[in-house]
Amino acid sequence: MSYDDLDRILKAIESRNFTNCNMEEVEKVKKMIKAKHKTQKLPVFLCENCGLSDQVERLIENES
């Protein structure tokens, strides 16, 4: 899966619009997000408001 594919899927998860998505890839990304705590490394820098991660993670938690 390319970074472009990953970005597209994360945006689809955020908007809950999976029209142009392969649902197997969507489920794979959801599993990756849920498992991120297992491989999470210490941040090199702090970046506020720079991505979808918190919002996407909350959406996935709410769907479970």
Protein backbone atom coordinates (compact mmCIF):
# COMPACT_ATOMS: atom_id res chain seq x y z
CA MET A 1 0.00 0.00 0.00
CA SER A 2 1.46 3.35 -0.99
CA TYR A 3 1.42 6.48 1.13
CA ASP A 4 -1.07 7.98 -1.33
CA ASP A 5 -3.37 4.99 -0.76
CA LEU A 6 -2.95 5.34 2.98
CA ASP A 7 -3.77 9.06 2.85
CA ARG A 8 -6.85 8.38 0.72
CA ILE A 9 -8.08 5.71 3.14
CA LEU A 10 -7.47 7.89 6.21
CA LYS A 11 -9.48 10.68 4.60
CA ALA A 12 -12.24 8.20 3.75
CA ILE A 13 -12.33 6.98 7.35
CA GLU A 14 -12.52 10.56 8.58
CA SER A 15 -15.36 11.45 6.21
CA ARG A 16 -17.00 8.01 6.46
CA ASN A 17 -17.24 7.95 2.67
CA PHE A 18 -15.83 4.68 1.34
CA THR A 19 -17.14 4.99 -2.22
CA ASN A 20 -13.76 4.63 -3.94
CA CYS A 21 -12.07 2.41 -1.37
CA ASN A 22 -11.17 -1.23 -1.22
CA MET A 23 -12.80 -2.30 2.06
CA GLU A 24 -10.06 -4.87 2.72
CA GLU A 25 -7.53 -2.03 2.70
CA VAL A 26 -9.79 0.08 4.92
CA GLU A 27 -9.97 -2.73 7.48
CA LYS A 28 -6.19 -3.18 7.28
CA VAL A 29 -5.65 0.52 8.03
CA LYS A 30 -8.12 0.39 10.92
CA LYS A 31 -6.20 -2.55 12.40
CA MET A 32 -2.95 -0.63 11.96
CA ILE A 33 -4.41 2.35 13.83
CA LYS A 34 -5.70 0.16 16.66
CA ALA A 35 -2.31 -1.57 16.96
CA LYS A 36 -0.22 1.59 16.82
CA HIS A 37 0.41 1.54 20.58
CA LYS A 38 2.37 -1.70 20.14
CA THR A 39 4.94 -0.13 17.85
CA GLN A 40 4.75 3.51 18.86
CA LYS A 41 8.14 5.16 19.32
CA LEU A 42 8.94 8.30 21.20
CA PRO A 43 8.22 11.38 19.11
CA VAL A 44 11.18 13.25 17.69
CA PHE A 45 9.24 16.51 17.78
CA LEU A 46 5.83 17.74 18.84
CA CYS A 47 3.50 18.73 16.04
CA GLU A 48 0.14 20.20 16.96
CA ASN A 49 -2.77 20.12 14.51
CA CYS A 50 -0.75 18.36 11.84
CA GLY A 51 -2.86 15.38 10.91
CA LEU A 52 -5.85 13.16 11.17
CA SER A 53 -4.50 10.73 13.75
CA ASP A 54 -6.48 11.77 16.84
CA GLN A 55 -9.70 12.34 14.95
CA VAL A 56 -9.38 9.14 12.92
CA GLU A 57 -8.55 7.14 16.03
CA ARG A 58 -11.66 8.47 17.80
CA LEU A 59 -13.83 7.60 14.79
CA ILE A 60 -12.53 4.05 14.74
CA GLU A 61 -13.00 3.65 18.49
CA ASN A 62 -16.60 4.87 18.14
CA GLU A 63 -17.29 2.35 15.34
CA SER A 64 -16.07 -0.62 17.42
